Amino acid sequence: MFGANPIRGAIIRILAQHPDGMTSGAIERELSTSYQTVFRHLQALVATGLVVTDSPEAHHGRRVIYTLDAAAVSTALGDYLAYLLARD
């Protein structure tokens, strides 16, 4: 929709359905896509603040749980709607 990335949308939807969070591997299995693709999109979502992790450090060699920041998603959607409707 509106050029939004379908994989990022799917990740957001999956995390919304799992409020306790999921690992990148579990998300990969839900999406039936490559781990590298899921991880790259998760990193982008973390960078924008829509997804948060249980680890503030680099994620090398440990299990990281990703959760959705529903308030951040709601704010981003509201901002995008205002932009689309020229209310900014």
PDB file of N, CA and C in Angstrom:
ATOM      1  N   MET A   1       0.835  -1.179   0.000  1.00  0.00           N
ATOM      2  CA  MET A   1       0.000   0.000   0.000  1.00  0.00           C
ATOM      3  C   MET A   1       0.879   1.243   0.000  1.00  0.00           C
ATOM      4  N   PHE A   2       0.641   2.145  -0.884  1.00  0.00           N
ATOM      5  CA  PHE A   2       1.356   3.418  -0.979  1.00  0.00           C
ATOM      6  C   PHE A   2       2.864   3.235  -1.070  1.00  0.00           C
ATOM      7  N   GLY A   3       3.312   2.118  -1.611  1.00  0.00           N
ATOM      8  CA  GLY A   3       4.744   1.885  -1.738  1.00  0.00           C
ATOM      9  C   GLY A   3       5.407   1.379  -0.469  1.00  0.00           C
ATOM     10  N   ALA A   4       4.618   1.063   0.546  1.00  0.00           N
ATOM     11  CA  ALA A   4       5.193   0.534   1.786  1.00  0.00           C
ATOM     12  C   ALA A   4       5.769  -0.851   1.522  1.00  0.00           C
ATOM     13  N   ASN A   5       6.848  -1.162   2.201  1.00  0.00           N
ATOM     14  CA  ASN A   5       7.499  -2.445   2.004  1.00  0.00           C
ATOM     15  C   ASN A   5       6.651  -3.566   2.594  1.00  0.00           C
ATOM     16  N   PRO A   6       6.262  -4.555   1.789  1.00  0.00           N
ATOM     17  CA  PRO A   6       5.383  -5.616   2.282  1.00  0.00           C
ATOM     18  C   PRO A   6       6.023  -6.501   3.351  1.00  0.00           C
ATOM     19  N   ILE A   7       7.325  -6.677   3.298  1.00  0.00           N
ATOM     20  CA  ILE A   7       7.975  -7.504   4.330  1.00  0.00           C
ATOM     21  C   ILE A   7       7.973  -6.772   5.659  1.00  0.00           C
ATOM     22  N   ARG A   8       8.260  -5.489   5.646  1.00  0.00           N
ATOM     23  CA  ARG A   8       8.220  -4.724   6.909  1.00  0.00           C
ATOM     24  C   ARG A   8       6.806  -4.689   7.469  1.00  0.00           C
ATOM     25  N   GLY A   9       5.825  -4.552   6.592  1.00  0.00           N
ATOM     26  CA  GLY A   9       4.439  -4.594   7.045  1.00  0.00           C
ATOM     27  C   GLY A   9       4.099  -5.940   7.664  1.00  0.00           C
ATOM     28  N   ALA A  10       4.573  -7.007   7.051  1.00  0.00           N
ATOM     29  CA  ALA A  10       4.319  -8.351   7.577  1.00  0.00           C
ATOM     30  C   ALA A  10       5.003  -8.548   8.927  1.00  0.00           C
ATOM     31  N   ILE A  11       6.212  -8.032   9.079  1.00  0.00           N
ATOM     32  CA  ILE A  11       6.918  -8.138  10.360  1.00  0.00           C
ATOM     33  C   ILE A  11       6.149  -7.390  11.441  1.00  0.00           C
ATOM     34  N   ILE A  12       5.690  -6.201  11.131  1.00  0.00           N
ATOM     35  CA  ILE A  12       4.906  -5.428  12.101  1.00  0.00           C
ATOM     36  C   ILE A  12       3.644  -6.196  12.490  1.00  0.00           C
ATOM     37  N   ARG A  13       2.977  -6.766  11.506  1.00  0.00           N
ATOM     38  CA  ARG A  13       1.753  -7.534  11.781  1.00  0.00           C
ATOM     39  C   ARG A  13       2.045  -8.758  12.655  1.00  0.00           C
ATOM     40  N   ILE A  14       3.088  -9.485  12.335  1.00  0.00           N
ATOM     41  CA  ILE A  14       3.459 -10.661  13.130  1.00  0.00           C
ATOM     42  C   ILE A  14       3.784 -10.264  14.564  1.00  0.00           C
ATOM     43  N   LEU A  15       4.567  -9.205  14.732  1.00  0.00           N
ATOM     44  CA  LEU A  15       4.913  -8.777  16.091  1.00  0.00           C
ATOM     45  C   LEU A  15       3.692  -8.262  16.849  1.00  0.00           C
ATOM     46  N   ALA A  16       2.748  -7.664  16.141  1.00  0.00           N
ATOM     47  CA  ALA A  16       1.511  -7.217  16.793  1.00  0.00           C
ATOM     48  C   ALA A  16       0.720  -8.410  17.322  1.00  0.00           C
ATOM     49  N   GLN A  17       0.836  -9.540  16.654  1.00  0.00           N
ATOM     50  CA  GLN A  17       0.134 -10.756  17.076  1.00  0.00           C
ATOM     51  C   GLN A  17       0.882 -11.510  18.174  1.00  0.00           C
ATOM     52  N   HIS A  18       2.114 -11.105  18.454  1.00  0.00           N
ATOM     53  CA  HIS A  18       2.942 -11.741  19.482  1.00  0.00           C
ATOM     54  C   HIS A  18       3.484 -10.655  20.415  1.00  0.00           C
ATOM     55  N   PRO A  19       2.664 -10.149  21.318  1.00  0.00           N
ATOM     56  CA  PRO A  19       3.080  -9.015  22.157  1.00  0.00           C
ATOM     57  C   PRO A  19       4.265  -9.308  23.075  1.00  0.00           C
ATOM     58  N   ASP A  20       4.552 -10.587  23.330  1.00  0.00           N
ATOM     59  CA  ASP A  20       5.721 -10.922  24.152  1.00  0.00           C
ATOM     60  C   ASP A  20       7.009 -10.923  23.346  1.00  0.00           C
ATOM     61  N   GLY A  21       6.889 -10.721  22.037  1.00  0.00           N
ATOM     62  CA  GLY A  21       8.049 -10.633  21.172  1.00  0.00           C
ATOM     63  C   GLY A  21       8.426 -11.961  20.547  1.00  0.00           C
ATOM     64  N   MET A  22       9.333 -11.881  19.597  1.00  0.00           N
ATOM     65  CA  MET A  22       9.803 -13.060  18.861  1.00  0.00           C
ATOM     66  C   MET A  22      11.262 -12.866  18.482  1.00  0.00           C
ATOM     67  N   THR A  23      11.927 -13.973  18.226  1.00  0.00           N
ATOM     68  CA  THR A  23      13.284 -13.909  17.692  1.00  0.00           C
ATOM     69  C   THR A  23      13.217 -13.703  16.184  1.00  0.00           C
ATOM     70  N   SER A  24      14.321 -13.289  15.616  1.00  0.00           N
ATOM     71  CA  SER A  24      14.369 -13.119  14.167  1.00  0.00           C
ATOM     72  C   SER A  24      14.159 -14.449  13.452  1.00  0.00           C
ATOM     73  N   GLY A  25      14.642 -15.533  14.037  1.00  0.00           N
ATOM     74  CA  GLY A  25      14.446 -16.853  13.436  1.00  0.00           C
ATOM     75  C   GLY A  25      12.987 -17.263  13.404  1.00  0.00           C
ATOM     76  N   ALA A  26      12.262 -16.966  14.477  1.00  0.00           N
ATOM     77  CA  ALA A  26      10.831 -17.287  14.518  1.00  0.00           C
ATOM     78  C   ALA A  26      10.060 -16.448  13.500  1.00  0.00           C
ATOM     79  N   ILE A  27      10.447 -15.190  13.353  1.00  0.00           N
ATOM     80  CA  ILE A  27       9.811 -14.323  12.356  1.00  0.00           C
ATOM     81  C   ILE A  27      10.110 -14.849  10.957  1.00  0.00           C
ATOM     82  N   GLU A  28      11.345 -15.278  10.738  1.00  0.00           N
ATOM     83  CA  GLU A  28      11.722 -15.838   9.443  1.00  0.00           C
ATOM     84  C   GLU A  28      10.839 -17.035   9.090  1.00  0.00           C
ATOM     85  N   ARG A  29      10.611 -17.913  10.054  1.00  0.00           N
ATOM     86  CA  ARG A  29       9.777 -19.087   9.795  1.00  0.00           C
ATOM     87  C   ARG A  29       8.337 -18.695   9.482  1.00  0.00           C
ATOM     88  N   GLU A  30       7.834 -17.664  10.120  1.00  0.00           N
ATOM     89  CA  GLU A  30       6.467 -17.191   9.840  1.00  0.00           C
ATOM     90  C   GLU A  30       6.360 -16.648   8.411  1.00  0.00           C
ATOM     91  N   LEU A  31       7.417 -16.009   7.942  1.00  0.00           N
ATOM     92  CA  LEU A  31       7.383 -15.362   6.632  1.00  0.00           C
ATOM     93  C   LEU A  31       7.855 -16.254   5.499  1.00  0.00           C
ATOM     94  N   SER A  32       8.505 -17.350   5.816  1.00  0.00           N
ATOM     95  CA  SER A  32       9.053 -18.237   4.777  1.00  0.00           C
ATOM     96  C   SER A  32       9.958 -17.478   3.811  1.00  0.00           C
ATOM     97  N   THR A  33      10.842 -16.696   4.351  1.00  0.00           N
ATOM     98  CA  THR A  33      11.813 -15.953   3.551  1.00  0.00           C
ATOM     99  C   THR A  33      13.185 -16.148   4.176  1.00  0.00           C
ATOM    100  N   SER A  34      14.199 -15.563   3.593  1.00  0.00           N
ATOM    101  CA  SER A  34      15.551 -15.778   4.103  1.00  0.00           C
ATOM    102  C   SER A  34      15.786 -15.009   5.403  1.00  0.00           C
ATOM    103  N   TYR A  35      16.678 -15.571   6.210  1.00  0.00           N
ATOM    104  CA  TYR A  35      17.034 -14.930   7.475  1.00  0.00           C
ATOM    105  C   TYR A  35      17.634 -13.555   7.222  1.00  0.00           C
ATOM    106  N   GLN A  36      18.497 -13.445   6.216  1.00  0.00           N
ATOM    107  CA  GLN A  36      19.149 -12.169   5.915  1.00  0.00           C
ATOM    108  C   GLN A  36      18.128 -11.086   5.586  1.00  0.00           C
ATOM    109  N   THR A  37      17.094 -11.453   4.849  1.00  0.00           N
ATOM    110  CA  THR A  37      16.053 -10.489   4.498  1.00  0.00           C
ATOM    111  C   THR A  37      15.316 -10.022   5.745  1.00  0.00           C
ATOM    112  N   VAL A  38      14.910 -10.958   6.582  1.00  0.00           N
ATOM    113  CA  VAL A  38      14.203 -10.613   7.814  1.00  0.00           C
ATOM    114  C   VAL A  38      15.085  -9.754   8.708  1.00  0.00           C
ATOM    115  N   PHE A  39      16.332 -10.157   8.889  1.00  0.00           N
ATOM    116  CA  PHE A  39      17.232  -9.422   9.772  1.00  0.00           C
ATOM    117  C   PHE A  39      17.442  -7.993   9.275  1.00  0.00           C
ATOM    118  N   ARG A  40      17.638  -7.832   7.974  1.00  0.00           N
ATOM    119  CA  ARG A  40      17.837  -6.484   7.403  1.00  0.00           C
ATOM    120  C   ARG A  40      16.626  -5.592   7.667  1.00  0.00           C
ATOM    121  N   HIS A  41      15.426  -6.143   7.475  1.00  0.00           N
ATOM    122  CA  HIS A  41      14.219  -5.350   7.703  1.00  0.00           C
ATOM    123  C   HIS A  41      13.994  -5.085   9.194  1.00  0.00           C
ATOM    124  N   LEU A  42      14.327  -6.044  10.034  1.00  0.00           N
ATOM    125  CA  LEU A  42      14.230  -5.812  11.481  1.00  0.00           C
ATOM    126  C   LEU A  42      15.157  -4.676  11.900  1.00  0.00           C
ATOM    127  N   GLN A  43      16.375  -4.665  11.372  1.00  0.00           N
ATOM    128  CA  GLN A  43      17.317  -3.596  11.714  1.00  0.00           C
ATOM    129  C   GLN A  43      16.767  -2.238  11.304  1.00  0.00           C
ATOM    130  N   ALA A  44      16.138  -2.160  10.145  1.00  0.00           N
ATOM    131  CA  ALA A  44      15.549  -0.893   9.694  1.00  0.00           C
ATOM    132  C   ALA A  44      14.404  -0.480  10.613  1.00  0.00           C
ATOM    133  N   LEU A  45      13.580  -1.437  11.021  1.00  0.00           N
ATOM    134  CA  LEU A  45      12.457  -1.127  11.916  1.00  0.00           C
ATOM    135  C   LEU A  45      12.949  -0.719  13.303  1.00  0.00           C
ATOM    136  N   VAL A  46      14.020  -1.329  13.768  1.00  0.00           N
ATOM    137  CA  VAL A  46      14.614  -0.931  15.048  1.00  0.00           C
ATOM    138  C   VAL A  46      15.172   0.486  14.925  1.00  0.00           C
ATOM    139  N   ALA A  47      15.832   0.783  13.824  1.00  0.00           N
ATOM    140  CA  ALA A  47      16.420   2.112  13.622  1.00  0.00           C
ATOM    141  C   ALA A  47      15.362   3.214  13.632  1.00  0.00           C
ATOM    142  N   THR A  48      14.154   2.899  13.153  1.00  0.00           N
ATOM    143  CA  THR A  48      13.086   3.904  13.139  1.00  0.00           C
ATOM    144  C   THR A  48      12.316   3.955  14.447  1.00  0.00           C
ATOM    145  N   GLY A  49      12.578   3.006  15.344  1.00  0.00           N
ATOM    146  CA  GLY A  49      11.904   2.991  16.641  1.00  0.00           C
ATOM    147  C   GLY A  49      10.571   2.267  16.653  1.00  0.00           C
ATOM    148  N   LEU A  50      10.191   1.649  15.537  1.00  0.00           N
ATOM    149  CA  LEU A  50       8.917   0.930  15.497  1.00  0.00           C
ATOM    150  C   LEU A  50       9.014  -0.435  16.175  1.00  0.00           C
ATOM    151  N   VAL A  51      10.209  -0.991  16.191  1.00  0.00           N
ATOM    152  CA  VAL A  51      10.475  -2.276  16.834  1.00  0.00           C
ATOM    153  C   VAL A  51      11.613  -2.059  17.823  1.00  0.00           C
ATOM    154  N   VAL A  52      11.511  -2.689  18.977  1.00  0.00           N
ATOM    155  CA  VAL A  52      12.554  -2.594  19.998  1.00  0.00           C
ATOM    156  C   VAL A  52      13.068  -3.993  20.323  1.00  0.00           C
ATOM    157  N   THR A  53      14.272  -4.036  20.887  1.00  0.00           N
ATOM    158  CA  THR A  53      14.860  -5.310  21.277  1.00  0.00           C
ATOM    159  C   THR A  53      15.082  -5.346  22.774  1.00  0.00           C
ATOM    160  N   ASP A  54      15.348  -6.540  23.278  1.00  0.00           N
ATOM    161  CA  ASP A  54      15.639  -6.702  24.696  1.00  0.00           C
ATOM    162  C   ASP A  54      17.121  -6.487  24.982  1.00  0.00           C
ATOM    163  N   SER A  55      17.881  -6.084  23.975  1.00  0.00           N
ATOM    164  CA  SER A  55      19.326  -5.926  24.137  1.00  0.00           C
ATOM    165  C   SER A  55      19.783  -4.599  23.556  1.00  0.00           C
ATOM    166  N   PRO A  56      20.347  -3.727  24.391  1.00  0.00           N
ATOM    167  CA  PRO A  56      20.852  -2.464  23.863  1.00  0.00           C
ATOM    168  C   PRO A  56      22.194  -2.619  23.165  1.00  0.00           C
ATOM    169  N   GLU A  57      22.834  -3.761  23.328  1.00  0.00           N
ATOM    170  CA  GLU A  57      24.159  -4.005  22.761  1.00  0.00           C
ATOM    171  C   GLU A  57      24.054  -4.651  21.391  1.00  0.00           C
ATOM    172  N   ALA A  58      25.189  -4.840  20.757  1.00  0.00           N
ATOM    173  CA  ALA A  58      25.239  -5.556  19.478  1.00  0.00           C
ATOM    174  C   ALA A  58      24.705  -6.964  19.696  1.00  0.00           C
ATOM    175  N   HIS A  59      24.077  -7.503  18.698  1.00  0.00           N
ATOM    176  CA  HIS A  59      23.353  -8.757  18.836  1.00  0.00           C
ATOM    177  C   HIS A  59      24.163  -9.978  18.407  1.00  0.00           C
ATOM    178  N   HIS A  60      25.446  -9.916  18.448  1.00  0.00           N
ATOM    179  CA  HIS A  60      26.266 -11.022  17.962  1.00  0.00           C
ATOM    180  C   HIS A  60      26.261 -12.176  18.945  1.00  0.00           C
ATOM    181  N   GLY A  61      25.809 -13.332  18.457  1.00  0.00           N
ATOM    182  CA  GLY A  61      25.913 -14.553  19.240  1.00  0.00           C
ATOM    183  C   GLY A  61      24.933 -14.723  20.376  1.00  0.00           C
ATOM    184  N   ARG A  62      23.877 -13.954  20.413  1.00  0.00           N
ATOM    185  CA  ARG A  62      22.902 -14.178  21.476  1.00  0.00           C
ATOM    186  C   ARG A  62      21.494 -14.025  20.938  1.00  0.00           C
ATOM    187  N   ARG A  63      20.588 -14.629  21.642  1.00  0.00           N
ATOM    188  CA  ARG A  63      19.187 -14.617  21.245  1.00  0.00           C
ATOM    189  C   ARG A  63      18.572 -13.263  21.592  1.00  0.00           C
ATOM    190  N   VAL A  64      18.020 -12.615  20.594  1.00  0.00           N
ATOM    191  CA  VAL A  64      17.429 -11.290  20.781  1.00  0.00           C
ATOM    192  C   VAL A  64      15.934 -11.396  20.528  1.00  0.00           C
ATOM    193  N   ILE A  65      15.164 -10.808  21.436  1.00  0.00           N
ATOM    194  CA  ILE A  65      13.714 -10.773  21.291  1.00  0.00           C
ATOM    195  C   ILE A  65      13.313  -9.408  20.752  1.00  0.00           C
ATOM    196  N   TYR A  66      12.543  -9.427  19.663  1.00  0.00           N
ATOM    197  CA  TYR A  66      12.039  -8.209  19.039  1.00  0.00           C
ATOM    198  C   TYR A  66      10.581  -8.033  19.412  1.00  0.00           C
ATOM    199  N   THR A  67      10.219  -6.820  19.806  1.00  0.00           N
ATOM    200  CA  THR A  67       8.828  -6.510  20.114  1.00  0.00           C
ATOM    201  C   THR A  67       8.421  -5.229  19.384  1.00  0.00           C
ATOM    202  N   LEU A  68       7.137  -5.121  19.163  1.00  0.00           N
ATOM    203  CA  LEU A  68       6.584  -3.967  18.478  1.00  0.00           C
ATOM    204  C   LEU A  68       6.327  -2.850  19.472  1.00  0.00           C
ATOM    205  N   ASP A  69       6.684  -1.628  19.113  1.00  0.00           N
ATOM    206  CA  ASP A  69       6.308  -0.457  19.899  1.00  0.00           C
ATOM    207  C   ASP A  69       5.041   0.094  19.255  1.00  0.00           C
ATOM    208  N   ALA A  70       3.897  -0.372  19.743  1.00  0.00           N
ATOM    209  CA  ALA A  70       2.607  -0.027  19.140  1.00  0.00           C
ATOM    210  C   ALA A  70       2.355   1.479  19.158  1.00  0.00           C
ATOM    211  N   ALA A  71       2.804   2.159  20.192  1.00  0.00           N
ATOM    212  CA  ALA A  71       2.611   3.610  20.254  1.00  0.00           C
ATOM    213  C   ALA A  71       3.397   4.300  19.143  1.00  0.00           C
ATOM    214  N   ALA A  72       4.613   3.839  18.884  1.00  0.00           N
ATOM    215  CA  ALA A  72       5.423   4.422  17.825  1.00  0.00           C
ATOM    216  C   ALA A  72       4.797   4.159  16.457  1.00  0.00           C
ATOM    217  N   VAL A  73       4.249   2.958  16.266  1.00  0.00           N
ATOM    218  CA  VAL A  73       3.582   2.635  15.000  1.00  0.00           C
ATOM    219  C   VAL A  73       2.361   3.533  14.814  1.00  0.00           C
ATOM    220  N   SER A  74       1.590   3.701  15.866  1.00  0.00           N
ATOM    221  CA  SER A  74       0.399   4.546  15.800  1.00  0.00           C
ATOM    222  C   SER A  74       0.768   5.991  15.445  1.00  0.00           C
ATOM    223  N   THR A  75       1.804   6.498  16.073  1.00  0.00           N
ATOM    224  CA  THR A  75       2.263   7.855  15.786  1.00  0.00           C
ATOM    225  C   THR A  75       2.735   7.981  14.338  1.00  0.00           C
ATOM    226  N   ALA A  76       3.519   7.006  13.886  1.00  0.00           N
ATOM    227  CA  ALA A  76       4.026   7.030  12.508  1.00  0.00           C
ATOM    228  C   ALA A  76       2.884   6.977  11.498  1.00  0.00           C
ATOM    229  N   LEU A  77       1.888   6.138  11.770  1.00  0.00           N
ATOM    230  CA  LEU A  77       0.739   6.057  10.860  1.00  0.00           C
ATOM    231  C   LEU A  77      -0.057   7.360  10.849  1.00  0.00           C
ATOM    232  N   GLY A  78      -0.207   7.965  12.010  1.00  0.00           N
ATOM    233  CA  GLY A  78      -0.905   9.252  12.086  1.00  0.00           C
ATOM    234  C   GLY A  78      -0.169  10.332  11.325  1.00  0.00           C
ATOM    235  N   ASP A  79       1.146  10.357  11.471  1.00  0.00           N
ATOM    236  CA  ASP A  79       1.958  11.336  10.744  1.00  0.00           C
ATOM    237  C   ASP A  79       1.866  11.114   9.240  1.00  0.00           C
ATOM    238  N   TYR A  80       1.889   9.845   8.838  1.00  0.00           N
ATOM    239  CA  TYR A  80       1.811   9.525   7.412  1.00  0.00           C
ATOM    240  C   TYR A  80       0.444   9.901   6.848  1.00  0.00           C
ATOM    241  N   LEU A  81      -0.603   9.650   7.601  1.00  0.00           N
ATOM    242  CA  LEU A  81      -1.946  10.025   7.166  1.00  0.00           C
ATOM    243  C   LEU A  81      -2.052  11.546   7.016  1.00  0.00           C
ATOM    244  N   ALA A  82      -1.524  12.271   7.985  1.00  0.00           N
ATOM    245  CA  ALA A  82      -1.547  13.730   7.886  1.00  0.00           C
ATOM    246  C   ALA A  82      -0.790  14.202   6.647  1.00  0.00           C
ATOM    247  N   TYR A  83       0.329  13.578   6.358  1.00  0.00           N
ATOM    248  CA  TYR A  83       1.083  13.919   5.164  1.00  0.00           C
ATOM    249  C   TYR A  83       0.275  13.639   3.895  1.00  0.00           C
ATOM    250  N   LEU A  84      -0.299  12.442   3.816  1.00  0.00           N
ATOM    251  CA  LEU A  84      -1.056  12.059   2.623  1.00  0.00           C
ATOM    252  C   LEU A  84      -2.247  12.981   2.364  1.00  0.00           C
ATOM    253  N   LEU A  85      -2.873  13.433   3.452  1.00  0.00           N
ATOM    254  CA  LEU A  85      -4.050  14.286   3.321  1.00  0.00           C
ATOM    255  C   LEU A  85      -3.697  15.775   3.364  1.00  0.00           C
ATOM    256  N   ALA A  86      -2.412  16.056   3.238  1.00  0.00           N
ATOM    257  CA  ALA A  86      -1.902  17.441   3.226  1.00  0.00           C
ATOM    258  C   ALA A  86      -2.308  18.225   4.454  1.00  0.00           C
ATOM    259  N   ARG A  87      -2.238  17.577   5.588  1.00  0.00           N
ATOM    260  CA  ARG A  87      -2.565  18.249   6.857  1.00  0.00           C
ATOM    261  C   ARG A  87      -1.315  18.520   7.690  1.00  0.00           C
ATOM    262  N   ASP A  88      -0.171  18.508   7.063  1.00  0.00           N
ATOM    263  CA  ASP A  88       1.063  18.705   7.832  1.00  0.00           C
ATOM    264  C   ASP A  88       1.476  20.128   7.924  1.00  0.00           C
TER     265      ASP A  88
END
